[in-house]
Amino acid sequence: MTDKVRRNLVFDRWRNSIFDRKELGPGMVLFKNYLTHMGQVDIVNICQKWAMGPGGFYRPSNRSGAKLRLHMMCFGRLWDPVTKYEKSYRSDGSAPPPLPYEFISLAENAIEDAQLHMKLLPSMLPDICVANFYSYGDRLGLHQDCDEHVGGLDSGLPVVSVSIGYSAEFLYGHTRDENKLEKVLLESGDVLIFGGKSRRIFHGVRRILTPLAYSQSYSPGYSQVIKETGLRLGRLNLTLKQF
């Protein structure tokens, strides 16, 4: 069995046969309810397998030395808010665990689904996954994902963002002015893709919402994910990119 066939067999269990598609801009699309319950459970279990060991979740610092309001780990390649891609090992000497083939399959197939309606969206083979875990009260300031190779940035190679757990109020746009940004709710099982002309958008997580805060849109399946995996209350986000 080839790696491609193996990846696709996994992906067939992860992708819902019916999901909603929302185009948010040129090269930017949100797939609502894209991941199956099994897919969400598998992703959490994969992350938890590596979370507590060397290279697992930690609280990174920015250039001022202040800790970010989230926990982070990387798969495949190390990225750090200060050193970017310059180093292969973290300050504690640990290297990132390998990028799971299941995550590669998820990114490739999600992009293929997006390309059905966005012919100009390039393909992308991820070699890094940044996993962030947000507790209630955590956030992520506005930024651009622009530390990757300039050739890929200029080509608009897409970023694939996966959400599991609590919902996030996500801001995005082509400016740092929050008053001019759009916002969208990212919920458990959603997959967001931005590439092409949207590759360098400013984006961030303004706040994390508990189930009580968004009861009308809360997916009850998330509670079952918690029961089956022991996931802490919060939001797990995967960001898959090609350096």
Foldseek 3Di string as FASTA:
>chain_A
DDLLVVLVVLVVQFADPDWDWDAPDQQKIKTHLGTDLVNLLVVLQVLVVPQPDFQHWDFAAAPVRDTAQWIKGKAQADAGNHCGRVDQADPVRGGHHHDDSNVQSVQQVVVVVVCVPNVLADGFRFRMKMKIWHDFPGKWAWDWPDSDDVVCQVSFHKKKKAKAAFKFWKWKDADNPSVPTDTDIDYHNMMMMGTDVRRGIIMMTPGTDDCVRCVVPHDPSNVVSCVVRVDDHTMMMMITHHD
